[in-house]
Amino acid sequence: MGIKVYKPTTPGRRKSSVQDFSDITNIVPEKSLVTTLKKHSGRNNTGKITVRHRGGGVKRLYRVVDFKCTKFDIEAEVKTIEYDPNRGARIMLVEYTGGEKAYFIAPKGITVGDKVMSSKNKIEAKVGNRMPLEFIPIGLFVYNVEMTPGKGGQLVRGAGNCAQLQVMEGKYAQLKLPSGEVRMIKKECAATVGTISNQDKSLVRWGKAGRRRMLGWRPIVKGKNMNPIDHPHGGGEGHSPIGLRGGPKTPWGKKALGVKTRKRSKWSNKFIVQRRKKSK
């Protein structure tokens, strides 16, 4: 996949770029693996906005991606590589030898016609194969990693991401995650060998607000541009500085910008070998 830049015929086009989608082999999704996607616009069950700056956007269909891959020791052939509007990575349509179809996250380098397999035992550690961490050779890159055995992949699912298997020690494997954090995960947890596709996604420049609106993002306004009743940074004459003695605040009065919010007694602290940010 590459990035395409157009001739700057308008101000919005001048600063924008798009994916060229050269890796896509099919446009229409598999009908049996598609469902409707209801929009909530950042609102909870009572109708209150709990996530700001969401709403609108182009209507989408949800592709049901199989993160568990529970059909073990059955070979599956890659039929198509497809675009998924709900995630950055590409997805691949696979067909098992029995005829059943499923969507998986596509790894980098996979092509139509390749064979992949999921197993609870040791199998060949090639790109696209899935097995428990204890059977994957040290040093390989993996993605779609489970945190609880059998629950399905929860870690490392974004475009271009991968985690590196570093050490196998006792009941746990140590993974270096894309953030730089080194974390212990039970060796029975499954992971897929390889690096996630569409690694150039982060290079796309949106160029104008209208493209973000089509993705479902609404405008964001700085607090210093609001009135005092709307934000702690609001008020003043013209473009005033923040001017708070206690430092920048969130719209709800909590400290912002650089203040650590993680609980000291978080249950998962014991699994972190090295934090992604070194303490000063």
C-alpha atoms as a PDB file:
ATOM      1  CA  MET A   1       0.000   0.000   0.000  1.00  0.00           C
ATOM      2  CA  GLY A   2       1.185   3.523  -0.745  1.00  0.00           C
ATOM      3  CA  ILE A   3       0.189   7.143  -0.315  1.00  0.00           C
ATOM      4  CA  LYS A   4      -1.164   9.148  -3.263  1.00  0.00           C
ATOM      5  CA  VAL A   5      -0.755  12.937  -3.502  1.00  0.00           C
ATOM      6  CA  TYR A   6      -2.885  14.905  -5.973  1.00  0.00           C
ATOM      7  CA  LYS A   7      -2.157  18.121  -7.832  1.00  0.00           C
ATOM      8  CA  PRO A   8      -3.078  21.011  -5.472  1.00  0.00           C
ATOM      9  CA  THR A   9      -6.130  22.306  -7.340  1.00  0.00           C
ATOM     10  CA  THR A  10      -7.832  23.605  -4.148  1.00  0.00           C
ATOM     11  CA  PRO A  11      -6.610  24.674  -0.673  1.00  0.00           C
ATOM     12  CA  GLY A  12      -8.013  21.483   0.882  1.00  0.00           C
ATOM     13  CA  ARG A  13      -6.480  19.242  -1.771  1.00  0.00           C
ATOM     14  CA  ARG A  14      -3.086  20.955  -1.432  1.00  0.00           C
ATOM     15  CA  LYS A  15      -2.510  19.682   2.113  1.00  0.00           C
ATOM     16  CA  SER A  16      -4.150  16.270   1.745  1.00  0.00           C
ATOM     17  CA  SER A  17      -3.109  12.766   0.746  1.00  0.00           C
ATOM     18  CA  VAL A  18      -4.990   9.475   0.371  1.00  0.00           C
ATOM     19  CA  GLN A  19      -4.271   5.762   0.449  1.00  0.00           C
ATOM     20  CA  ASP A  20      -3.900   4.237  -3.009  1.00  0.00           C
ATOM     21  CA  PHE A  21      -5.652   0.968  -2.021  1.00  0.00           C
ATOM     22  CA  SER A  22      -3.417  -1.023  -4.377  1.00  0.00           C
ATOM     23  CA  ASP A  23      -3.452  -3.952  -1.937  1.00  0.00           C
ATOM     24  CA  ILE A  24      -7.259  -4.307  -2.021  1.00  0.00           C
ATOM     25  CA  THR A  25      -8.521  -7.261  -4.088  1.00  0.00           C
ATOM     26  CA  ASN A  26     -12.282  -7.010  -3.448  1.00  0.00           C
ATOM     27  CA  ILE A  27     -14.613  -4.043  -2.891  1.00  0.00           C
ATOM     28  CA  VAL A  28     -17.917  -5.708  -1.895  1.00  0.00           C
ATOM     29  CA  PRO A  29     -17.791  -7.410   1.546  1.00  0.00           C
ATOM     30  CA  GLU A  30     -18.980 -10.956   2.258  1.00  0.00           C
ATOM     31  CA  LYS A  31     -22.730 -10.598   2.888  1.00  0.00           C
ATOM     32  CA  SER A  32     -22.912 -13.315   5.557  1.00  0.00           C
ATOM     33  CA  LEU A  33     -20.210 -11.569   7.647  1.00  0.00           C
ATOM     34  CA  VAL A  34     -21.719  -8.073   7.615  1.00  0.00           C
ATOM     35  CA  THR A  35     -24.121  -6.477  10.085  1.00  0.00           C
ATOM     36  CA  THR A  36     -25.566  -3.012  10.679  1.00  0.00           C
ATOM     37  CA  LEU A  37     -23.691  -0.490  12.803  1.00  0.00           C
ATOM     38  CA  LYS A  38     -25.874   1.801  14.925  1.00  0.00           C
ATOM     39  CA  LYS A  39     -24.565   5.300  15.545  1.00  0.00           C
ATOM     40  CA  HIS A  40     -24.548   6.702  19.086  1.00  0.00           C
ATOM     41  CA  SER A  41     -22.769  10.039  18.478  1.00  0.00           C
ATOM     42  CA  GLY A  42     -20.914   9.742  21.778  1.00  0.00           C
ATOM     43  CA  ARG A  43     -24.097   9.385  23.854  1.00  0.00           C
ATOM     44  CA  ASN A  44     -24.860   6.837  26.568  1.00  0.00           C
ATOM     45  CA  ASN A  45     -28.118   4.990  27.263  1.00  0.00           C
ATOM     46  CA  THR A  46     -29.697   8.105  28.824  1.00  0.00           C
ATOM     47  CA  GLY A  47     -28.854  10.329  25.850  1.00  0.00           C
ATOM     48  CA  LYS A  48     -26.097  12.345  27.545  1.00  0.00           C
ATOM     49  CA  ILE A  49     -22.887  13.055  25.657  1.00  0.00           C
ATOM     50  CA  THR A  50     -20.113  11.073  27.359  1.00  0.00           C
ATOM     51  CA  VAL A  51     -17.606  11.277  24.473  1.00  0.00           C
ATOM     52  CA  ARG A  52     -17.295  14.737  22.950  1.00  0.00           C
ATOM     53  CA  HIS A  53     -16.701  15.683  19.317  1.00  0.00           C
ATOM     54  CA  ARG A  54     -18.497  12.708  17.789  1.00  0.00           C
ATOM     55  CA  GLY A  55     -21.432  12.627  15.358  1.00  0.00           C
ATOM     56  CA  GLY A  56     -22.426  12.498  11.731  1.00  0.00           C
ATOM     57  CA  GLY A  57     -20.187  10.622   9.337  1.00  0.00           C
ATOM     58  CA  VAL A  58     -20.766   8.266   6.437  1.00  0.00           C
ATOM     59  CA  LYS A  59     -23.009   5.273   7.061  1.00  0.00           C
ATOM     60  CA  ARG A  60     -21.016   2.062   7.561  1.00  0.00           C
ATOM     61  CA  LEU A  61     -21.559  -1.673   7.682  1.00  0.00           C
ATOM     62  CA  TYR A  62     -19.706  -3.620  10.363  1.00  0.00           C
ATOM     63  CA  ARG A  63     -17.507  -6.502   9.205  1.00  0.00           C
ATOM     64  CA  VAL A  64     -17.603  -9.260  11.844  1.00  0.00           C
ATOM     65  CA  VAL A  65     -13.901  -9.963  12.425  1.00  0.00           C
ATOM     66  CA  ASP A  66     -12.976 -13.201  14.200  1.00  0.00           C
ATOM     67  CA  PHE A  67     -10.435 -12.277  16.896  1.00  0.00           C
ATOM     68  CA  LYS A  68     -10.595 -15.721  18.562  1.00  0.00           C
ATOM     69  CA  CYS A  69      -9.855 -17.987  15.556  1.00  0.00           C
ATOM     70  CA  THR A  70     -11.292 -21.011  17.373  1.00  0.00           C
ATOM     71  CA  LYS A  71     -11.455 -23.416  14.426  1.00  0.00           C
ATOM     72  CA  PHE A  72      -8.277 -25.247  15.371  1.00  0.00           C
ATOM     73  CA  ASP A  73      -6.036 -27.354  13.121  1.00  0.00           C
ATOM     74  CA  ILE A  74      -8.150 -26.604  10.029  1.00  0.00           C
ATOM     75  CA  GLU A  75      -6.364 -24.956   7.127  1.00  0.00           C
ATOM     76  CA  ALA A  76      -7.921 -21.799   5.714  1.00  0.00           C
ATOM     77  CA  GLU A  77      -7.185 -20.193   2.355  1.00  0.00           C
ATOM     78  CA  VAL A  78      -7.004 -16.427   1.910  1.00  0.00           C
ATOM     79  CA  LYS A  79      -9.650 -15.440  -0.658  1.00  0.00           C
ATOM     80  CA  THR A  80      -9.541 -11.625  -0.626  1.00  0.00           C
ATOM     81  CA  ILE A  81      -7.814  -8.663   1.019  1.00  0.00           C
ATOM     82  CA  GLU A  82     -10.414  -6.002   1.853  1.00  0.00           C
ATOM     83  CA  TYR A  83     -10.788  -2.475   3.219  1.00  0.00           C
ATOM     84  CA  ASP A  84     -12.550  -2.135   6.564  1.00  0.00           C
ATOM     85  CA  PRO A  85     -13.992   1.314   7.355  1.00  0.00           C
ATOM     86  CA  ASN A  86     -14.122   0.455  11.073  1.00  0.00           C
ATOM     87  CA  ARG A  87     -10.356  -0.052  11.575  1.00  0.00           C
ATOM     88  CA  GLY A  88      -7.043   1.052  10.131  1.00  0.00           C
ATOM     89  CA  ALA A  89      -5.776  -2.425   9.280  1.00  0.00           C
ATOM     90  CA  ARG A  90      -6.794  -4.414   6.229  1.00  0.00           C
ATOM     91  CA  ILE A  91      -8.904  -7.538   6.750  1.00  0.00           C
ATOM     92  CA  MET A  92      -8.710 -10.807   4.850  1.00  0.00           C
ATOM     93  CA  LEU A  93     -11.550 -13.141   3.958  1.00  0.00           C
ATOM     94  CA  VAL A  94     -10.526 -16.762   4.561  1.00  0.00           C
ATOM     95  CA  GLU A  95     -12.360 -19.944   3.665  1.00  0.00           C
ATOM     96  CA  TYR A  96     -11.844 -23.140   5.668  1.00  0.00           C
ATOM     97  CA  THR A  97     -11.619 -26.518   3.988  1.00  0.00           C
ATOM     98  CA  GLY A  98     -15.212 -27.190   5.088  1.00  0.00           C
ATOM     99  CA  GLY A  99     -16.475 -24.119   3.234  1.00  0.00           C
ATOM    100  CA  GLU A 100     -17.031 -21.830   6.237  1.00  0.00           C
ATOM    101  CA  LYS A 101     -15.814 -18.237   5.824  1.00  0.00           C
ATOM    102  CA  ALA A 102     -14.407 -15.729   8.309  1.00  0.00           C
ATOM    103  CA  TYR A 103     -12.717 -12.338   8.469  1.00  0.00           C
ATOM    104  CA  PHE A 104      -9.259 -12.018  10.081  1.00  0.00           C
ATOM    105  CA  ILE A 105      -6.974  -9.018  10.504  1.00  0.00           C
ATOM    106  CA  ALA A 106      -4.574  -9.228   7.560  1.00  0.00           C
ATOM    107  CA  PRO A 107      -0.822  -9.286   8.270  1.00  0.00           C
ATOM    108  CA  LYS A 108       1.795  -7.528   6.184  1.00  0.00           C
ATOM    109  CA  GLY A 109       2.932  -9.629   3.223  1.00  0.00           C
ATOM    110  CA  ILE A 110      -0.099 -11.956   3.044  1.00  0.00           C
ATOM    111  CA  THR A 111      -1.455 -12.573  -0.465  1.00  0.00           C
ATOM    112  CA  VAL A 112      -4.522 -14.215  -1.983  1.00  0.00           C
ATOM    113  CA  GLY A 113      -4.079 -17.986  -2.098  1.00  0.00           C
ATOM    114  CA  ASP A 114      -1.911 -18.247   1.019  1.00  0.00           C
ATOM    115  CA  LYS A 115      -2.867 -20.799   3.680  1.00  0.00           C
ATOM    116  CA  VAL A 116      -3.190 -19.958   7.387  1.00  0.00           C
ATOM    117  CA  MET A 117      -4.024 -22.051  10.423  1.00  0.00           C
ATOM    118  CA  SER A 118      -4.906 -21.671  14.104  1.00  0.00           C
ATOM    119  CA  SER A 119      -3.911 -24.327  16.653  1.00  0.00           C
ATOM    120  CA  LYS A 120      -3.560 -25.000  20.376  1.00  0.00           C
ATOM    121  CA  ASN A 121      -0.362 -26.917  19.644  1.00  0.00           C
ATOM    122  CA  LYS A 122       2.944 -26.091  17.989  1.00  0.00           C
ATOM    123  CA  ILE A 123       2.679 -25.443  14.239  1.00  0.00           C
ATOM    124  CA  GLU A 124       4.858 -23.699  11.689  1.00  0.00           C
ATOM    125  CA  ALA A 125       5.585 -20.134  12.803  1.00  0.00           C
ATOM    126  CA  LYS A 126       4.821 -18.474   9.468  1.00  0.00           C
ATOM    127  CA  VAL A 127       3.008 -15.204   8.846  1.00  0.00           C
ATOM    128  CA  GLY A 128      -0.724 -15.538   9.575  1.00  0.00           C
ATOM    129  CA  ASN A 129      -0.527 -18.692  11.718  1.00  0.00           C
ATOM    130  CA  ARG A 130      -1.933 -18.481  15.251  1.00  0.00           C
ATOM    131  CA  MET A 131      -0.882 -20.474  18.324  1.00  0.00           C
ATOM    132  CA  PRO A 132      -0.147 -20.044  22.064  1.00  0.00           C
ATOM    133  CA  LEU A 133       2.810 -17.827  22.931  1.00  0.00           C
ATOM    134  CA  GLU A 134       4.715 -20.730  24.473  1.00  0.00           C
ATOM    135  CA  PHE A 135       5.119 -22.324  21.006  1.00  0.00           C
ATOM    136  CA  ILE A 136       6.229 -19.169  19.171  1.00  0.00           C
ATOM    137  CA  PRO A 137      10.025 -18.769  18.773  1.00  0.00           C
ATOM    138  CA  ILE A 138      11.627 -15.990  20.832  1.00  0.00           C
ATOM    139  CA  GLY A 139      12.239 -12.778  18.892  1.00  0.00           C
ATOM    140  CA  LEU A 140       9.349 -13.096  16.431  1.00  0.00           C
ATOM    141  CA  PHE A 141       6.805 -10.311  15.926  1.00  0.00           C
ATOM    142  CA  VAL A 142       3.167 -11.083  16.780  1.00  0.00           C
ATOM    143  CA  TYR A 143      -0.201  -9.303  16.799  1.00  0.00           C
ATOM    144  CA  ASN A 144      -3.822  -9.843  17.928  1.00  0.00           C
ATOM    145  CA  VAL A 145      -2.587 -10.992  21.330  1.00  0.00           C
ATOM    146  CA  GLU A 146      -4.896 -12.397  24.009  1.00  0.00           C
ATOM    147  CA  MET A 147      -4.763 -11.176  27.620  1.00  0.00           C
ATOM    148  CA  THR A 148      -6.934 -14.017  28.914  1.00  0.00           C
ATOM    149  CA  PRO A 149      -6.652 -17.498  27.340  1.00  0.00           C
ATOM    150  CA  GLY A 150      -9.594 -18.145  24.999  1.00  0.00           C
ATOM    151  CA  LYS A 151     -11.057 -14.623  25.249  1.00  0.00           C
ATOM    152  CA  GLY A 152      -9.777 -13.466  21.864  1.00  0.00           C
ATOM    153  CA  GLY A 153      -7.181 -10.926  20.817  1.00  0.00           C
ATOM    154  CA  GLN A 154      -7.250  -7.607  22.681  1.00  0.00           C
ATOM    155  CA  LEU A 155      -3.728  -6.231  22.278  1.00  0.00           C
ATOM    156  CA  VAL A 156      -1.858  -5.060  19.146  1.00  0.00           C
ATOM    157  CA  ARG A 157      -4.689  -4.732  16.612  1.00  0.00           C
ATOM    158  CA  GLY A 158      -3.936  -1.353  14.983  1.00  0.00           C
ATOM    159  CA  ALA A 159      -2.574  -0.774  11.490  1.00  0.00           C
ATOM    160  CA  GLY A 160       1.171  -1.378  11.183  1.00  0.00           C
ATOM    161  CA  ASN A 161       1.582  -2.529  14.791  1.00  0.00           C
ATOM    162  CA  CYS A 162       3.391  -5.557  16.169  1.00  0.00           C
ATOM    163  CA  ALA A 163       4.718  -6.819  19.503  1.00  0.00           C
ATOM    164  CA  GLN A 164       7.997  -8.665  19.954  1.00  0.00           C
ATOM    165  CA  LEU A 165       8.223 -11.851  22.003  1.00  0.00           C
ATOM    166  CA  GLN A 166      11.283 -11.349  24.220  1.00  0.00           C
ATOM    167  CA  VAL A 167      11.458 -13.874  27.056  1.00  0.00           C
ATOM    168  CA  MET A 168       9.631 -17.022  28.190  1.00  0.00           C
ATOM    169  CA  GLU A 169       9.834 -17.233  31.979  1.00  0.00           C
ATOM    170  CA  GLY A 170       7.805 -19.628  34.121  1.00  0.00           C
ATOM    171  CA  LYS A 171       4.082 -19.218  33.488  1.00  0.00           C
ATOM    172  CA  TYR A 172       4.503 -15.998  31.538  1.00  0.00           C
ATOM    173  CA  ALA A 173       5.879 -14.655  28.280  1.00  0.00           C
ATOM    174  CA  GLN A 174       7.299 -11.143  28.108  1.00  0.00           C
ATOM    175  CA  LEU A 175       6.119  -9.023  25.176  1.00  0.00           C
ATOM    176  CA  LYS A 176       7.433  -5.641  24.102  1.00  0.00           C
ATOM    177  CA  LEU A 177       4.309  -3.774  22.992  1.00  0.00           C
ATOM    178  CA  PRO A 178       4.156  -1.020  20.325  1.00  0.00           C
ATOM    179  CA  SER A 179       4.121   1.639  23.075  1.00  0.00           C
ATOM    180  CA  GLY A 180       7.489   0.406  24.375  1.00  0.00           C
ATOM    181  CA  GLU A 181       5.956  -1.198  27.469  1.00  0.00           C
ATOM    182  CA  VAL A 182       7.214  -4.667  28.370  1.00  0.00           C
ATOM    183  CA  ARG A 183       4.387  -6.768  29.821  1.00  0.00           C
ATOM    184  CA  MET A 184       3.988 -10.310  31.128  1.00  0.00           C
ATOM    185  CA  ILE A 185       1.219 -12.346  29.512  1.00  0.00           C
ATOM    186  CA  LYS A 186       0.290 -15.945  30.264  1.00  0.00           C
ATOM    187  CA  LYS A 187       2.038 -18.302  27.886  1.00  0.00           C
ATOM    188  CA  GLU A 188      -1.280 -20.073  27.123  1.00  0.00           C
ATOM    189  CA  CYS A 189      -2.583 -16.875  25.477  1.00  0.00           C
ATOM    190  CA  ALA A 190      -2.703 -17.058  21.690  1.00  0.00           C
ATOM    191  CA  ALA A 191      -1.152 -14.639  19.202  1.00  0.00           C
ATOM    192  CA  THR A 192      -0.796 -14.451  15.435  1.00  0.00           C
ATOM    193  CA  VAL A 193       2.657 -14.376  13.853  1.00  0.00           C
ATOM    194  CA  GLY A 194       3.503 -11.309  11.768  1.00  0.00           C
ATOM    195  CA  THR A 195       3.032  -7.539  11.557  1.00  0.00           C
ATOM    196  CA  ILE A 196      -0.344  -5.919  10.875  1.00  0.00           C
ATOM    197  CA  SER A 197      -0.934  -4.608   7.352  1.00  0.00           C
ATOM    198  CA  ASN A 198      -1.438  -1.021   6.141  1.00  0.00           C
ATOM    199  CA  GLN A 199       1.585   0.408   7.950  1.00  0.00           C
ATOM    200  CA  ASP A 200       1.404   3.620   5.869  1.00  0.00           C
ATOM    201  CA  LYS A 201      -1.928   4.691   7.356  1.00  0.00           C
ATOM    202  CA  SER A 202      -0.263   7.109   9.774  1.00  0.00           C
ATOM    203  CA  LEU A 203       1.208   9.045   6.820  1.00  0.00           C
ATOM    204  CA  VAL A 204      -2.199  10.121   5.458  1.00  0.00           C
ATOM    205  CA  ARG A 205      -2.886  13.864   5.784  1.00  0.00           C
ATOM    206  CA  TRP A 206      -6.583  14.696   5.983  1.00  0.00           C
ATOM    207  CA  GLY A 207      -6.137  18.173   4.534  1.00  0.00           C
ATOM    208  CA  LYS A 208      -9.486  19.693   5.516  1.00  0.00           C
ATOM    209  CA  ALA A 209     -12.165  19.498   8.177  1.00  0.00           C
ATOM    210  CA  GLY A 210     -14.702  18.011   5.769  1.00  0.00           C
ATOM    211  CA  ARG A 211     -12.808  14.716   5.498  1.00  0.00           C
ATOM    212  CA  ARG A 212     -12.798  14.399   9.278  1.00  0.00           C
ATOM    213  CA  ARG A 213     -16.544  15.108   9.392  1.00  0.00           C
ATOM    214  CA  MET A 214     -17.135  12.217   6.990  1.00  0.00           C
ATOM    215  CA  LEU A 215     -15.305   9.979   9.478  1.00  0.00           C
ATOM    216  CA  GLY A 216     -17.686  11.020  12.259  1.00  0.00           C
ATOM    217  CA  TRP A 217     -15.550  13.663  14.029  1.00  0.00           C
ATOM    218  CA  ARG A 218     -17.132  16.996  14.966  1.00  0.00           C
ATOM    219  CA  PRO A 219     -15.216  20.270  15.535  1.00  0.00           C
ATOM    220  CA  ILE A 220     -13.010  20.781  18.597  1.00  0.00           C
ATOM    221  CA  VAL A 221     -12.807  24.256  20.184  1.00  0.00           C
ATOM    222  CA  LYS A 222     -10.043  25.411  22.561  1.00  0.00           C
ATOM    223  CA  GLY A 223     -11.114  26.191  26.122  1.00  0.00           C
ATOM    224  CA  LYS A 224      -9.470  29.644  25.972  1.00  0.00           C
ATOM    225  CA  ASN A 225     -11.893  30.553  23.165  1.00  0.00           C
ATOM    226  CA  MET A 226     -14.960  29.781  25.319  1.00  0.00           C
ATOM    227  CA  ASN A 227     -16.823  31.816  27.927  1.00  0.00           C
ATOM    228  CA  PRO A 228     -15.946  31.460  31.638  1.00  0.00           C
ATOM    229  CA  ILE A 229     -19.153  29.505  32.256  1.00  0.00           C
ATOM    230  CA  ASP A 230     -18.187  26.906  29.644  1.00  0.00           C
ATOM    231  CA  HIS A 231     -14.548  26.234  30.535  1.00  0.00           C
ATOM    232  CA  PRO A 232     -11.995  27.115  33.265  1.00  0.00           C
ATOM    233  CA  HIS A 233      -9.757  28.642  30.553  1.00  0.00           C
ATOM    234  CA  GLY A 234     -12.568  30.803  29.159  1.00  0.00           C
ATOM    235  CA  GLY A 235     -13.065  34.560  29.315  1.00  0.00           C
ATOM    236  CA  GLY A 236     -10.680  37.492  28.990  1.00  0.00           C
ATOM    237  CA  GLU A 237     -10.213  40.035  26.253  1.00  0.00           C
ATOM    238  CA  GLY A 238      -9.121  38.647  22.888  1.00  0.00           C
ATOM    239  CA  HIS A 239      -6.851  35.592  22.688  1.00  0.00           C
ATOM    240  CA  SER A 240      -5.908  35.440  26.374  1.00  0.00           C
ATOM    241  CA  PRO A 241      -3.487  32.955  27.963  1.00  0.00           C
ATOM    242  CA  ILE A 242      -4.751  30.276  30.339  1.00  0.00           C
ATOM    243  CA  GLY A 243      -3.594  32.191  33.424  1.00  0.00           C
ATOM    244  CA  LEU A 244      -4.469  29.633  36.119  1.00  0.00           C
ATOM    245  CA  ARG A 245      -2.255  29.352  39.194  1.00  0.00           C
ATOM    246  CA  GLY A 246      -2.863  25.617  39.536  1.00  0.00           C
ATOM    247  CA  GLY A 247      -2.058  24.947  35.880  1.00  0.00           C
ATOM    248  CA  PRO A 248      -4.252  23.961  32.917  1.00  0.00           C
ATOM    249  CA  LYS A 249      -7.610  22.341  33.686  1.00  0.00           C
ATOM    250  CA  THR A 250     -10.040  20.078  31.890  1.00  0.00           C
ATOM    251  CA  PRO A 251     -13.588  21.359  31.214  1.00  0.00           C
ATOM    252  CA  TRP A 252     -14.583  19.761  34.547  1.00  0.00           C
ATOM    253  CA  GLY A 253     -11.863  21.400  36.630  1.00  0.00           C
ATOM    254  CA  LYS A 254      -9.403  18.506  36.875  1.00  0.00           C
ATOM    255  CA  LYS A 255      -5.685  19.058  36.220  1.00  0.00           C
ATOM    256  CA  ALA A 256      -4.646  18.499  32.616  1.00  0.00           C
ATOM    257  CA  LEU A 257      -1.585  18.411  30.339  1.00  0.00           C
ATOM    258  CA  GLY A 258       1.116  16.164  31.757  1.00  0.00           C
ATOM    259  CA  VAL A 259      -0.582  15.097  34.997  1.00  0.00           C
ATOM    260  CA  LYS A 260      -0.501  11.331  35.570  1.00  0.00           C
ATOM    261  CA  THR A 261      -3.970   9.881  36.140  1.00  0.00           C
ATOM    262  CA  ARG A 262      -3.164   6.167  36.478  1.00  0.00           C
ATOM    263  CA  LYS A 263      -4.094   4.663  39.858  1.00  0.00           C
ATOM    264  CA  ARG A 264      -1.083   3.529  41.872  1.00  0.00           C
ATOM    265  CA  SER A 265      -2.818   0.325  42.975  1.00  0.00           C
ATOM    266  CA  LYS A 266      -4.067  -0.724  39.544  1.00  0.00           C
ATOM    267  CA  TRP A 267      -4.535  -4.487  39.425  1.00  0.00           C
ATOM    268  CA  SER A 268      -2.437  -4.960  36.294  1.00  0.00           C
ATOM    269  CA  ASN A 269       0.683  -3.202  37.624  1.00  0.00           C
ATOM    270  CA  LYS A 270       2.216  -6.531  38.625  1.00  0.00           C
ATOM    271  CA  PHE A 271       2.289  -7.642  34.964  1.00  0.00           C
ATOM    272  CA  ILE A 272       4.249  -4.593  33.763  1.00  0.00           C
ATOM    273  CA  VAL A 273       7.983  -5.292  33.635  1.00  0.00           C
ATOM    274  CA  GLN A 274       8.936  -1.932  32.113  1.00  0.00           C
ATOM    275  CA  ARG A 275       6.685   1.092  31.790  1.00  0.00           C
ATOM    276  CA  ARG A 276       6.320   2.852  28.446  1.00  0.00           C
ATOM    277  CA  LYS A 277       7.348   6.103  30.140  1.00  0.00           C
ATOM    278  CA  LYS A 278      10.380   6.138  32.414  1.00  0.00           C
ATOM    279  CA  SER A 279       9.711   7.754  35.778  1.00  0.00           C
ATOM    280  CA  LYS A 280      11.689  10.939  36.413  1.00  0.00           C
END
